[in-house]
Amino acid sequence: MKNFFGWDFGSPGNIYYFLILIVVALILILQVRKSLNLANILASPVHQKELLINFSKSRKILKSVLFLLSLFFLLFSLLSPQKQDKPEDIKQEGRDIFIALDISRSMLAKDVEPNRLEFAKEKIKQLINMLKTDRVGLILFSGSAFVQCPLTKDIATFYMFLDQANVETVSSGTTSIDMAVKVAIDKFSSMPAKKSKILVLFTDGEDFSSNLAGIKKQAQKENLAIFAVGVGSEQGAPIPLYDEQGNQVGHQLDEKGSVVISRLNEGILKTLANECGGYYVHATSNNSDLKAISSRVEKFEKEVFGSQNLMKFDQKYPYFVCASLACLLLEWLI
């Protein structure tokens, strides 16, 4: 936004359109001069009124000036002219939401494209876009859990941490959902005045928790609402193994040497979400699953994170559009 003699402009880059005004002005000047020269050839200036009844030098010049003014006002409105108004305190409201992402090895299964982990990451980004006014934090979990990104409104930073998440981030390849829930409880416990405490789990539900029942009771006591998004399919898929260069070298085998098939376990996720005041959805290729989550999250009470003193601007471009139309109408009437 550029300031010029007390005016501010929302679209200063549109000033290049004024080149059109210069070109049109040159064309009109040439046309007027041509008309005046032709009138002087047909009749002397003294007798032009009697001989050239429909010709008027002043009328010709006035019409050209009005047309140029009309074009000027129209192009000026394209700059989005505005005046500063009184500053206003804008409250920043929203909810605090922790996203917990399962990064166990089973999330490498390819029953969704390109695999469960990458599919879940894209789903998380889509969900955050739907919840624009909320602060989000990222918890990564497998056999253990930790906060990868604290609560923030800086979505670019959140995405950076999310993109870096992989199955090597935590050494354990198993899944303990109770660890993710416990981390969320601990973080929200340090903010006792919170009106809404929300956790959204993205996992395939293959759980080896040692104390999920106890953690569930603690979540209920702390009023932590748990939403769950099941990633994968009931048919399942084998878990690929990769070497240090990232090349697939086979699939995970069980003790008998058979290929392990990882399947989505919806039962445990449905029970956890329903008993903790949340909702369960199976991740789909469209946004119907996330819309179901976001519509329910939006019912939770918002909180004021703070306020920001912002300068208001009064838009003036409609006045210049009207002036342009007025000049054009006068030019047509003359």
C-alpha atoms as a PDB file:
ATOM      1  CA  MET A   1       0.000   0.000   0.000  1.00  0.00           C
ATOM      2  CA  LYS A   2       1.492   3.327  -1.087  1.00  0.00           C
ATOM      3  CA  ASN A   3       0.773   6.711   0.531  1.00  0.00           C
ATOM      4  CA  PHE A   4       0.550   9.778  -1.682  1.00  0.00           C
ATOM      5  CA  PHE A   5      -0.549  13.172  -0.291  1.00  0.00           C
ATOM      6  CA  GLY A   6      -2.712  11.512   2.364  1.00  0.00           C
ATOM      7  CA  TRP A   7      -4.163   8.925  -0.019  1.00  0.00           C
ATOM      8  CA  ASP A   8      -3.515   5.216   0.286  1.00  0.00           C
ATOM      9  CA  PHE A   9      -3.843   2.808  -2.601  1.00  0.00           C
ATOM     10  CA  GLY A  10      -4.727  -0.864  -2.309  1.00  0.00           C
ATOM     11  CA  SER A  11      -3.590  -1.709  -5.858  1.00  0.00           C
ATOM     12  CA  PRO A  12      -0.710   0.623  -6.736  1.00  0.00           C
ATOM     13  CA  GLY A  13       0.525  -1.799  -9.377  1.00  0.00           C
ATOM     14  CA  ASN A  14      -2.417  -0.831 -11.602  1.00  0.00           C
ATOM     15  CA  ILE A  15      -0.767   2.547 -12.255  1.00  0.00           C
ATOM     16  CA  TYR A  16       0.609   1.083 -15.473  1.00  0.00           C
ATOM     17  CA  TYR A  17      -2.912   1.250 -16.902  1.00  0.00           C
ATOM     18  CA  PHE A  18      -2.425   5.030 -17.087  1.00  0.00           C
ATOM     19  CA  LEU A  19      -0.379   4.371 -20.209  1.00  0.00           C
ATOM     20  CA  ILE A  20      -3.771   3.852 -21.861  1.00  0.00           C
ATOM     21  CA  LEU A  21      -4.728   7.399 -20.840  1.00  0.00           C
ATOM     22  CA  ILE A  22      -1.592   8.818 -22.474  1.00  0.00           C
ATOM     23  CA  VAL A  23      -2.225   6.912 -25.710  1.00  0.00           C
ATOM     24  CA  VAL A  24      -5.894   7.948 -25.844  1.00  0.00           C
ATOM     25  CA  ALA A  25      -4.963  11.591 -25.081  1.00  0.00           C
ATOM     26  CA  LEU A  26      -2.490  11.659 -27.978  1.00  0.00           C
ATOM     27  CA  ILE A  27      -5.093  10.157 -30.328  1.00  0.00           C
ATOM     28  CA  LEU A  28      -7.728  12.711 -29.281  1.00  0.00           C
ATOM     29  CA  ILE A  29      -5.291  15.627 -29.665  1.00  0.00           C
ATOM     30  CA  LEU A  30      -4.467  14.485 -33.188  1.00  0.00           C
ATOM     31  CA  GLN A  31      -8.176  14.071 -34.035  1.00  0.00           C
ATOM     32  CA  VAL A  32      -9.057  17.546 -32.707  1.00  0.00           C
ATOM     33  CA  ARG A  33      -6.185  19.152 -34.593  1.00  0.00           C
ATOM     34  CA  LYS A  34      -7.207  17.314 -37.754  1.00  0.00           C
ATOM     35  CA  SER A  35     -10.826  18.476 -37.354  1.00  0.00           C
ATOM     36  CA  LEU A  36      -9.775  22.090 -36.744  1.00  0.00           C
ATOM     37  CA  ASN A  37      -7.428  22.078 -39.735  1.00  0.00           C
ATOM     38  CA  LEU A  38     -10.168  20.607 -41.935  1.00  0.00           C
ATOM     39  CA  ALA A  39     -12.620  23.287 -40.726  1.00  0.00           C
ATOM     40  CA  ASN A  40     -10.111  26.012 -41.540  1.00  0.00           C
ATOM     41  CA  ILE A  41      -9.695  24.582 -45.041  1.00  0.00           C
ATOM     42  CA  LEU A  42     -13.450  24.456 -45.666  1.00  0.00           C
ATOM     43  CA  ALA A  43     -14.168  27.940 -44.288  1.00  0.00           C
ATOM     44  CA  SER A  44     -12.351  30.867 -42.769  1.00  0.00           C
ATOM     45  CA  PRO A  45     -12.673  31.236 -38.961  1.00  0.00           C
ATOM     46  CA  VAL A  46     -14.902  34.300 -39.446  1.00  0.00           C
ATOM     47  CA  HIS A  47     -17.478  32.398 -41.540  1.00  0.00           C
ATOM     48  CA  GLN A  48     -17.314  28.955 -39.889  1.00  0.00           C
ATOM     49  CA  LYS A  49     -20.460  29.561 -37.790  1.00  0.00           C
ATOM     50  CA  GLU A  50     -22.554  30.334 -40.873  1.00  0.00           C
ATOM     51  CA  LEU A  51     -21.051  27.703 -43.209  1.00  0.00           C
ATOM     52  CA  LEU A  52     -20.301  24.806 -40.795  1.00  0.00           C
ATOM     53  CA  ILE A  53     -23.554  24.658 -38.845  1.00  0.00           C
ATOM     54  CA  ASN A  54     -22.837  21.369 -36.955  1.00  0.00           C
ATOM     55  CA  PHE A  55     -19.233  22.182 -36.191  1.00  0.00           C
ATOM     56  CA  SER A  56     -18.122  23.851 -32.939  1.00  0.00           C
ATOM     57  CA  LYS A  57     -14.488  24.199 -31.952  1.00  0.00           C
ATOM     58  CA  SER A  58     -15.239  24.641 -28.253  1.00  0.00           C
ATOM     59  CA  ARG A  59     -17.733  21.709 -28.290  1.00  0.00           C
ATOM     60  CA  LYS A  60     -15.163  19.430 -29.923  1.00  0.00           C
ATOM     61  CA  ILE A  61     -12.515  20.300 -27.327  1.00  0.00           C
ATOM     62  CA  LEU A  62     -14.972  20.008 -24.409  1.00  0.00           C
ATOM     63  CA  LYS A  63     -16.133  16.520 -25.492  1.00  0.00           C
ATOM     64  CA  SER A  64     -12.524  15.336 -25.713  1.00  0.00           C
ATOM     65  CA  VAL A  65     -11.690  16.751 -22.284  1.00  0.00           C
ATOM     66  CA  LEU A  66     -14.749  15.099 -20.717  1.00  0.00           C
ATOM     67  CA  PHE A  67     -13.868  11.747 -22.285  1.00  0.00           C
ATOM     68  CA  LEU A  68     -10.310  11.991 -20.969  1.00  0.00           C
ATOM     69  CA  LEU A  69     -11.582  12.919 -17.488  1.00  0.00           C
ATOM     70  CA  SER A  70     -13.947   9.943 -17.579  1.00  0.00           C
ATOM     71  CA  LEU A  71     -11.075   7.630 -18.462  1.00  0.00           C
ATOM     72  CA  PHE A  72      -8.837   9.218 -15.811  1.00  0.00           C
ATOM     73  CA  PHE A  73     -11.379   8.717 -13.010  1.00  0.00           C
ATOM     74  CA  LEU A  74     -11.982   5.125 -14.114  1.00  0.00           C
ATOM     75  CA  LEU A  75      -8.261   4.292 -14.144  1.00  0.00           C
ATOM     76  CA  PHE A  76      -7.779   6.081 -10.811  1.00  0.00           C
ATOM     77  CA  SER A  77     -10.468   3.864  -9.253  1.00  0.00           C
ATOM     78  CA  LEU A  78      -8.429   0.814 -10.334  1.00  0.00           C
ATOM     79  CA  LEU A  79      -5.737   1.920  -7.870  1.00  0.00           C
ATOM     80  CA  SER A  80      -8.247   1.270  -5.028  1.00  0.00           C
ATOM     81  CA  PRO A  81      -7.939   4.755  -3.482  1.00  0.00           C
ATOM     82  CA  GLN A  82      -8.696   4.834   0.236  1.00  0.00           C
ATOM     83  CA  LYS A  83      -8.372   7.095   3.254  1.00  0.00           C
ATOM     84  CA  GLN A  84      -7.209   6.094   6.709  1.00  0.00           C
ATOM     85  CA  ASP A  85      -9.970   5.839   9.286  1.00  0.00           C
ATOM     86  CA  LYS A  86      -9.742   5.437  13.050  1.00  0.00           C
ATOM     87  CA  PRO A  87      -7.660   2.483  14.293  1.00  0.00           C
ATOM     88  CA  GLU A  88      -9.673  -0.451  15.608  1.00  0.00           C
ATOM     89  CA  ASP A  89      -8.857  -3.223  18.062  1.00  0.00           C
ATOM     90  CA  ILE A  90      -9.447  -6.542  16.322  1.00  0.00           C
ATOM     91  CA  LYS A  91      -9.927  -9.504  18.659  1.00  0.00           C
ATOM     92  CA  GLN A  92      -8.137 -12.697  17.630  1.00  0.00           C
ATOM     93  CA  GLU A  93     -10.474 -15.554  18.448  1.00  0.00           C
ATOM     94  CA  GLY A  94     -10.332 -19.271  17.892  1.00  0.00           C
ATOM     95  CA  ARG A  95      -9.794 -22.663  19.467  1.00  0.00           C
ATOM     96  CA  ASP A  96      -6.669 -24.556  20.451  1.00  0.00           C
ATOM     97  CA  ILE A  97      -6.379 -27.861  18.582  1.00  0.00           C
ATOM     98  CA  PHE A  98      -3.642 -30.472  18.774  1.00  0.00           C
ATOM     99  CA  ILE A  99      -3.223 -32.709  15.728  1.00  0.00           C
ATOM    100  CA  ALA A 100      -1.696 -36.105  16.601  1.00  0.00           C
ATOM    101  CA  LEU A 101      -0.121 -37.952  13.674  1.00  0.00           C
ATOM    102  CA  ASP A 102       0.743 -41.643  13.812  1.00  0.00           C
ATOM    103  CA  ILE A 103       4.254 -42.196  12.404  1.00  0.00           C
ATOM    104  CA  SER A 104       4.559 -45.922  13.133  1.00  0.00           C
ATOM    105  CA  ARG A 105       5.831 -48.201  10.361  1.00  0.00           C
ATOM    106  CA  SER A 106       2.325 -49.440   9.579  1.00  0.00           C
ATOM    107  CA  MET A 107       1.623 -45.935   8.247  1.00  0.00           C
ATOM    108  CA  LEU A 108       3.875 -46.790   5.286  1.00  0.00           C
ATOM    109  CA  ALA A 109       1.286 -49.272   3.994  1.00  0.00           C
ATOM    110  CA  LYS A 110       0.021 -48.344   0.539  1.00  0.00           C
ATOM    111  CA  ASP A 111      -3.692 -49.141   0.717  1.00  0.00           C
ATOM    112  CA  VAL A 112      -4.124 -45.393   0.114  1.00  0.00           C
ATOM    113  CA  GLU A 113      -1.927 -43.372  -2.253  1.00  0.00           C
ATOM    114  CA  PRO A 114       0.961 -42.755  -1.992  1.00  0.00           C
ATOM    115  CA  ASN A 115       0.926 -44.283   1.506  1.00  0.00           C
ATOM    116  CA  ARG A 116      -1.001 -43.790   4.752  1.00  0.00           C
ATOM    117  CA  LEU A 117       1.476 -41.294   6.216  1.00  0.00           C
ATOM    118  CA  GLU A 118       1.618 -38.953   3.220  1.00  0.00           C
ATOM    119  CA  PHE A 119      -2.124 -39.293   2.714  1.00  0.00           C
ATOM    120  CA  ALA A 120      -2.683 -38.270   6.356  1.00  0.00           C
ATOM    121  CA  LYS A 121      -0.373 -35.256   5.984  1.00  0.00           C
ATOM    122  CA  GLU A 122      -2.431 -33.927   3.084  1.00  0.00           C
ATOM    123  CA  LYS A 123      -5.615 -34.522   5.051  1.00  0.00           C
ATOM    124  CA  ILE A 124      -4.214 -32.528   7.976  1.00  0.00           C
ATOM    125  CA  LYS A 125      -3.401 -29.593   5.692  1.00  0.00           C
ATOM    126  CA  GLN A 126      -6.924 -29.641   4.258  1.00  0.00           C
ATOM    127  CA  LEU A 127      -8.432 -29.712   7.756  1.00  0.00           C
ATOM    128  CA  ILE A 128      -6.338 -26.744   8.886  1.00  0.00           C
ATOM    129  CA  ASN A 129      -7.491 -24.769   5.849  1.00  0.00           C
ATOM    130  CA  MET A 130     -11.066 -25.359   6.991  1.00  0.00           C
ATOM    131  CA  LEU A 131     -10.256 -24.171  10.533  1.00  0.00           C
ATOM    132  CA  LYS A 132      -8.672 -20.848   9.589  1.00  0.00           C
ATOM    133  CA  THR A 133      -9.140 -19.023  12.904  1.00  0.00           C
ATOM    134  CA  ASP A 134      -7.784 -21.736  15.183  1.00  0.00           C
ATOM    135  CA  ARG A 135      -4.347 -22.324  16.709  1.00  0.00           C
ATOM    136  CA  VAL A 136      -2.897 -25.725  15.945  1.00  0.00           C
ATOM    137  CA  GLY A 137      -0.120 -27.826  17.411  1.00  0.00           C
ATOM    138  CA  LEU A 138       1.431 -31.064  16.154  1.00  0.00           C
ATOM    139  CA  ILE A 139       2.034 -34.223  18.182  1.00  0.00           C
ATOM    140  CA  LEU A 140       3.932 -37.126  16.614  1.00  0.00           C
ATOM    141  CA  PHE A 141       3.537 -40.577  18.081  1.00  0.00           C
ATOM    142  CA  SER A 142       4.321 -44.239  17.621  1.00  0.00           C
ATOM    143  CA  GLY A 143       5.573 -46.150  20.668  1.00  0.00           C
ATOM    144  CA  SER A 144       6.182 -42.785  22.363  1.00  0.00           C
ATOM    145  CA  ALA A 145       4.902 -39.280  21.684  1.00  0.00           C
ATOM    146  CA  PHE A 146       6.139 -35.689  21.756  1.00  0.00           C
ATOM    147  CA  VAL A 147       5.128 -32.207  20.610  1.00  0.00           C
ATOM    148  CA  GLN A 148       6.713 -31.538  17.237  1.00  0.00           C
ATOM    149  CA  CYS A 149       5.147 -28.076  16.891  1.00  0.00           C
ATOM    150  CA  PRO A 150       3.590 -26.087  19.787  1.00  0.00           C
ATOM    151  CA  LEU A 151       0.255 -24.338  19.413  1.00  0.00           C
ATOM    152  CA  THR A 152       0.580 -21.621  16.791  1.00  0.00           C
ATOM    153  CA  LYS A 153      -1.307 -19.536  14.261  1.00  0.00           C
ATOM    154  CA  ASP A 154       1.753 -19.567  12.001  1.00  0.00           C
ATOM    155  CA  ILE A 155       0.484 -22.176   9.565  1.00  0.00           C
ATOM    156  CA  ALA A 156       3.627 -22.046   7.413  1.00  0.00           C
ATOM    157  CA  THR A 157       5.721 -23.110  10.412  1.00  0.00           C
ATOM    158  CA  PHE A 158       3.242 -25.862  11.253  1.00  0.00           C
ATOM    159  CA  TYR A 159       3.424 -27.178   7.678  1.00  0.00           C
ATOM    160  CA  MET A 160       7.228 -27.161   7.836  1.00  0.00           C
ATOM    161  CA  PHE A 161       7.207 -29.404  10.920  1.00  0.00           C
ATOM    162  CA  LEU A 162       4.486 -31.591   9.408  1.00  0.00           C
ATOM    163  CA  ASP A 163       6.410 -32.130   6.162  1.00  0.00           C
ATOM    164  CA  GLN A 164       9.491 -33.209   8.110  1.00  0.00           C
ATOM    165  CA  ALA A 165       7.627 -35.971   9.980  1.00  0.00           C
ATOM    166  CA  ASN A 166       8.537 -39.526   8.977  1.00  0.00           C
ATOM    167  CA  VAL A 167       8.710 -42.997  10.511  1.00  0.00           C
ATOM    168  CA  GLU A 168      12.333 -42.435  11.534  1.00  0.00           C
ATOM    169  CA  THR A 169      11.419 -39.506  13.815  1.00  0.00           C
ATOM    170  CA  VAL A 170      10.592 -41.867  16.691  1.00  0.00           C
ATOM    171  CA  SER A 171      12.606 -45.066  17.029  1.00  0.00           C
ATOM    172  CA  SER A 172       9.716 -47.401  17.957  1.00  0.00           C
ATOM    173  CA  GLY A 173       7.798 -48.862  15.032  1.00  0.00           C
ATOM    174  CA  THR A 174       4.686 -49.783  17.070  1.00  0.00           C
ATOM    175  CA  THR A 175       1.717 -47.570  17.945  1.00  0.00           C
ATOM    176  CA  SER A 176       0.627 -46.382  21.397  1.00  0.00           C
ATOM    177  CA  ILE A 177      -2.357 -44.097  21.087  1.00  0.00           C
ATOM    178  CA  ASP A 178      -2.430 -43.587  24.854  1.00  0.00           C
ATOM    179  CA  MET A 179       0.935 -41.788  24.658  1.00  0.00           C
ATOM    180  CA  ALA A 180      -0.431 -39.236  22.178  1.00  0.00           C
ATOM    181  CA  VAL A 181      -3.516 -38.588  24.306  1.00  0.00           C
ATOM    182  CA  LYS A 182      -1.371 -38.234  27.449  1.00  0.00           C
ATOM    183  CA  VAL A 183       0.844 -35.600  25.815  1.00  0.00           C
ATOM    184  CA  ALA A 184      -2.261 -33.610  24.787  1.00  0.00           C
ATOM    185  CA  ILE A 185      -3.670 -33.871  28.324  1.00  0.00           C
ATOM    186  CA  ASP A 186      -0.379 -32.670  29.830  1.00  0.00           C
ATOM    187  CA  LYS A 187      -0.185 -29.691  27.464  1.00  0.00           C
ATOM    188  CA  PHE A 188      -3.758 -28.607  28.090  1.00  0.00           C
ATOM    189  CA  SER A 189      -3.290 -29.100  31.859  1.00  0.00           C
ATOM    190  CA  SER A 190      -0.737 -26.296  31.788  1.00  0.00           C
ATOM    191  CA  MET A 191      -3.538 -24.064  30.442  1.00  0.00           C
ATOM    192  CA  PRO A 192      -6.301 -24.685  33.025  1.00  0.00           C
ATOM    193  CA  ALA A 193      -8.462 -21.764  31.908  1.00  0.00           C
ATOM    194  CA  LYS A 194      -9.044 -23.266  28.463  1.00  0.00           C
ATOM    195  CA  LYS A 195     -12.715 -23.478  27.497  1.00  0.00           C
ATOM    196  CA  SER A 196     -12.176 -25.951  24.658  1.00  0.00           C
ATOM    197  CA  LYS A 197      -9.607 -28.756  24.563  1.00  0.00           C
ATOM    198  CA  ILE A 198      -9.504 -30.599  21.270  1.00  0.00           C
ATOM    199  CA  LEU A 199      -7.325 -33.432  19.967  1.00  0.00           C
ATOM    200  CA  VAL A 200      -7.588 -34.852  16.445  1.00  0.00           C
ATOM    201  CA  LEU A 201      -5.900 -38.227  15.872  1.00  0.00           C
ATOM    202  CA  PHE A 202      -4.756 -39.379  12.435  1.00  0.00           C
ATOM    203  CA  THR A 203      -3.915 -43.070  12.686  1.00  0.00           C
ATOM    204  CA  ASP A 204      -4.617 -46.524  11.289  1.00  0.00           C
ATOM    205  CA  GLY A 205      -5.727 -47.639  14.754  1.00  0.00           C
ATOM    206  CA  GLU A 206      -3.217 -50.474  15.138  1.00  0.00           C
ATOM    207  CA  ASP A 207      -2.690 -49.933  18.838  1.00  0.00           C
ATOM    208  CA  PHE A 208      -0.327 -51.480  21.403  1.00  0.00           C
ATOM    209  CA  SER A 209      -1.199 -49.103  24.255  1.00  0.00           C
ATOM    210  CA  SER A 210      -0.545 -50.317  27.800  1.00  0.00           C
ATOM    211  CA  ASN A 211      -2.977 -47.928  29.520  1.00  0.00           C
ATOM    212  CA  LEU A 212      -5.533 -46.678  26.992  1.00  0.00           C
ATOM    213  CA  ALA A 213      -8.490 -47.276  29.347  1.00  0.00           C
ATOM    214  CA  GLY A 214      -6.859 -45.232  32.129  1.00  0.00           C
ATOM    215  CA  ILE A 215      -5.852 -42.423  29.764  1.00  0.00           C
ATOM    216  CA  LYS A 216      -9.391 -42.378  28.365  1.00  0.00           C
ATOM    217  CA  LYS A 217     -10.817 -41.782  31.847  1.00  0.00           C
ATOM    218  CA  GLN A 218      -8.283 -39.000  32.409  1.00  0.00           C
ATOM    219  CA  ALA A 219      -9.273 -37.379  29.097  1.00  0.00           C
ATOM    220  CA  GLN A 220     -12.931 -37.474  30.124  1.00  0.00           C
ATOM    221  CA  LYS A 221     -12.059 -35.895  33.474  1.00  0.00           C
ATOM    222  CA  GLU A 222     -10.068 -33.131  31.768  1.00  0.00           C
ATOM    223  CA  ASN A 223     -12.872 -32.514  29.202  1.00  0.00           C
ATOM    224  CA  LEU A 224     -10.533 -33.311  26.327  1.00  0.00           C
ATOM    225  CA  ALA A 225     -12.595 -33.854  23.173  1.00  0.00           C
ATOM    226  CA  ILE A 226     -10.969 -36.497  20.977  1.00  0.00           C
ATOM    227  CA  PHE A 227     -11.697 -36.741  17.263  1.00  0.00           C
ATOM    228  CA  ALA A 228     -10.252 -39.597  15.229  1.00  0.00           C
ATOM    229  CA  VAL A 229      -9.570 -39.995  11.515  1.00  0.00           C
ATOM    230  CA  GLY A 230      -8.956 -43.593  10.473  1.00  0.00           C
ATOM    231  CA  VAL A 231      -6.362 -43.885   7.702  1.00  0.00           C
ATOM    232  CA  GLY A 232      -6.172 -47.078   5.638  1.00  0.00           C
ATOM    233  CA  SER A 233      -8.572 -49.856   4.696  1.00  0.00           C
ATOM    234  CA  GLU A 234     -10.105 -52.917   6.338  1.00  0.00           C
ATOM    235  CA  GLN A 235      -8.544 -55.102   3.625  1.00  0.00           C
ATOM    236  CA  GLY A 236      -5.161 -53.705   4.614  1.00  0.00           C
ATOM    237  CA  ALA A 237      -1.803 -53.835   2.863  1.00  0.00           C
ATOM    238  CA  PRO A 238       1.719 -55.137   3.571  1.00  0.00           C
ATOM    239  CA  ILE A 239       4.204 -52.882   5.363  1.00  0.00           C
ATOM    240  CA  PRO A 240       7.135 -52.068   3.043  1.00  0.00           C
ATOM    241  CA  LEU A 241      10.745 -52.090   4.235  1.00  0.00           C
ATOM    242  CA  TYR A 242      13.333 -49.623   2.898  1.00  0.00           C
ATOM    243  CA  ASP A 243      17.113 -49.470   2.938  1.00  0.00           C
ATOM    244  CA  GLU A 244      19.139 -46.403   3.954  1.00  0.00           C
ATOM    245  CA  GLN A 245      18.896 -45.016   0.404  1.00  0.00           C
ATOM    246  CA  GLY A 246      15.110 -45.174   0.481  1.00  0.00           C
ATOM    247  CA  ASN A 247      14.807 -48.154  -1.860  1.00  0.00           C
ATOM    248  CA  GLN A 248      12.185 -50.761  -1.024  1.00  0.00           C
ATOM    249  CA  VAL A 249      13.839 -54.057  -0.155  1.00  0.00           C
ATOM    250  CA  GLY A 250      10.795 -56.126   0.767  1.00  0.00           C
ATOM    251  CA  HIS A 251       7.977 -56.279   3.279  1.00  0.00           C
ATOM    252  CA  GLN A 252       7.785 -56.722   7.036  1.00  0.00           C
ATOM    253  CA  LEU A 253       7.486 -60.395   8.055  1.00  0.00           C
ATOM    254  CA  ASP A 254       6.086 -62.029  11.164  1.00  0.00           C
ATOM    255  CA  GLU A 255       7.805 -64.704  13.281  1.00  0.00           C
ATOM    256  CA  LYS A 256       6.705 -67.415  10.845  1.00  0.00           C
ATOM    257  CA  GLY A 257       8.175 -65.592   7.866  1.00  0.00           C
ATOM    258  CA  SER A 258       4.792 -64.516   6.449  1.00  0.00           C
ATOM    259  CA  VAL A 259       4.156 -61.028   5.131  1.00  0.00           C
ATOM    260  CA  VAL A 260       2.460 -58.846   7.752  1.00  0.00           C
ATOM    261  CA  ILE A 261      -0.802 -57.283   6.564  1.00  0.00           C
ATOM    262  CA  SER A 262      -1.655 -54.018   8.345  1.00  0.00           C
ATOM    263  CA  ARG A 263      -5.385 -53.270   8.566  1.00  0.00           C
ATOM    264  CA  LEU A 264      -7.369 -50.260   9.700  1.00  0.00           C
ATOM    265  CA  ASN A 265      -8.750 -50.854  13.197  1.00  0.00           C
ATOM    266  CA  GLU A 266     -11.841 -48.659  13.336  1.00  0.00           C
ATOM    267  CA  GLY A 267     -13.332 -50.181  16.478  1.00  0.00           C
ATOM    268  CA  ILE A 268     -10.811 -48.775  18.939  1.00  0.00           C
ATOM    269  CA  LEU A 269     -10.950 -45.328  17.299  1.00  0.00           C
ATOM    270  CA  LYS A 270     -14.745 -45.155  17.276  1.00  0.00           C
ATOM    271  CA  THR A 271     -14.923 -46.106  20.954  1.00  0.00           C
ATOM    272  CA  LEU A 272     -12.251 -43.594  21.965  1.00  0.00           C
ATOM    273  CA  ALA A 273     -13.830 -40.711  20.012  1.00  0.00           C
ATOM    274  CA  ASN A 274     -17.424 -41.425  21.055  1.00  0.00           C
ATOM    275  CA  GLU A 275     -16.570 -41.792  24.749  1.00  0.00           C
ATOM    276  CA  CYS A 276     -14.462 -38.616  24.789  1.00  0.00           C
ATOM    277  CA  GLY A 277     -16.991 -36.221  23.303  1.00  0.00           C
ATOM    278  CA  GLY A 278     -15.613 -36.310  19.785  1.00  0.00           C
ATOM    279  CA  TYR A 279     -16.361 -38.045  16.508  1.00  0.00           C
ATOM    280  CA  TYR A 280     -14.804 -40.710  14.283  1.00  0.00           C
ATOM    281  CA  VAL A 281     -14.514 -40.621  10.478  1.00  0.00           C
ATOM    282  CA  HIS A 282     -12.857 -42.902   7.967  1.00  0.00           C
ATOM    283  CA  ALA A 283     -10.476 -40.867   5.767  1.00  0.00           C
ATOM    284  CA  THR A 284     -11.793 -40.616   2.222  1.00  0.00           C
ATOM    285  CA  SER A 285     -10.463 -39.254  -1.063  1.00  0.00           C
ATOM    286  CA  ASN A 286     -12.883 -36.302  -0.885  1.00  0.00           C
ATOM    287  CA  ASN A 287     -13.444 -33.759   1.881  1.00  0.00           C
ATOM    288  CA  SER A 288     -16.679 -35.197   3.296  1.00  0.00           C
ATOM    289  CA  ASP A 289     -14.727 -36.724   6.209  1.00  0.00           C
ATOM    290  CA  LEU A 290     -13.002 -33.459   7.142  1.00  0.00           C
ATOM    291  CA  LYS A 291     -16.198 -31.431   6.766  1.00  0.00           C
ATOM    292  CA  ALA A 292     -17.816 -33.734   9.321  1.00  0.00           C
ATOM    293  CA  ILE A 293     -14.923 -33.068  11.722  1.00  0.00           C
ATOM    294  CA  SER A 294     -14.707 -29.293  11.146  1.00  0.00           C
ATOM    295  CA  SER A 295     -18.473 -28.749  11.487  1.00  0.00           C
ATOM    296  CA  ARG A 296     -18.369 -30.367  14.929  1.00  0.00           C
ATOM    297  CA  VAL A 297     -15.187 -28.575  15.989  1.00  0.00           C
ATOM    298  CA  GLU A 298     -16.761 -25.235  15.088  1.00  0.00           C
ATOM    299  CA  LYS A 299     -19.467 -25.854  17.696  1.00  0.00           C
ATOM    300  CA  PHE A 300     -16.862 -25.641  20.451  1.00  0.00           C
ATOM    301  CA  GLU A 301     -16.565 -22.290  22.178  1.00  0.00           C
ATOM    302  CA  LYS A 302     -13.959 -19.874  20.871  1.00  0.00           C
ATOM    303  CA  GLU A 303     -11.477 -18.034  23.066  1.00  0.00           C
ATOM    304  CA  VAL A 304      -9.763 -14.671  22.706  1.00  0.00           C
ATOM    305  CA  PHE A 305      -6.042 -15.153  22.028  1.00  0.00           C
ATOM    306  CA  GLY A 306      -5.378 -11.418  22.125  1.00  0.00           C
ATOM    307  CA  SER A 307      -6.119  -8.268  20.177  1.00  0.00           C
ATOM    308  CA  GLN A 308      -4.373  -6.396  17.414  1.00  0.00           C
ATOM    309  CA  ASN A 309      -4.608  -2.666  16.733  1.00  0.00           C
ATOM    310  CA  LEU A 310      -5.326  -2.338  13.015  1.00  0.00           C
ATOM    311  CA  MET A 311      -5.859   0.777  10.928  1.00  0.00           C
ATOM    312  CA  LYS A 312      -9.167   0.824   9.056  1.00  0.00           C
ATOM    313  CA  PHE A 313      -9.353   2.195   5.523  1.00  0.00           C
ATOM    314  CA  ASP A 314     -12.381   3.830   3.951  1.00  0.00           C
ATOM    315  CA  GLN A 315     -12.660   2.805   0.302  1.00  0.00           C
ATOM    316  CA  LYS A 316     -13.133   5.787  -2.032  1.00  0.00           C
ATOM    317  CA  TYR A 317     -13.074   4.127  -5.460  1.00  0.00           C
ATOM    318  CA  PRO A 318     -16.924   4.146  -5.872  1.00  0.00           C
ATOM    319  CA  TYR A 319     -16.831   7.960  -5.939  1.00  0.00           C
ATOM    320  CA  PHE A 320     -14.353   7.955  -8.813  1.00  0.00           C
ATOM    321  CA  VAL A 321     -16.383   5.370 -10.738  1.00  0.00           C
ATOM    322  CA  CYS A 322     -19.427   7.621 -10.374  1.00  0.00           C
ATOM    323  CA  ALA A 323     -17.385  10.655 -11.508  1.00  0.00           C
ATOM    324  CA  SER A 324     -16.236   8.683 -14.538  1.00  0.00           C
ATOM    325  CA  LEU A 325     -19.812   7.783 -15.473  1.00  0.00           C
ATOM    326  CA  ALA A 326     -20.942  11.409 -14.949  1.00  0.00           C
ATOM    327  CA  CYS A 327     -18.253  12.747 -17.294  1.00  0.00           C
ATOM    328  CA  LEU A 328     -19.116  10.098 -19.886  1.00  0.00           C
ATOM    329  CA  LEU A 329     -22.805  11.022 -19.688  1.00  0.00           C
ATOM    330  CA  LEU A 330     -22.027  14.740 -20.105  1.00  0.00           C
ATOM    331  CA  GLU A 331     -19.806  13.994 -23.078  1.00  0.00           C
ATOM    332  CA  TRP A 332     -22.648  12.045 -24.701  1.00  0.00           C
ATOM    333  CA  LEU A 333     -25.221  14.802 -24.010  1.00  0.00           C
ATOM    334  CA  ILE A 334     -23.124  17.672 -25.410  1.00  0.00           C
END
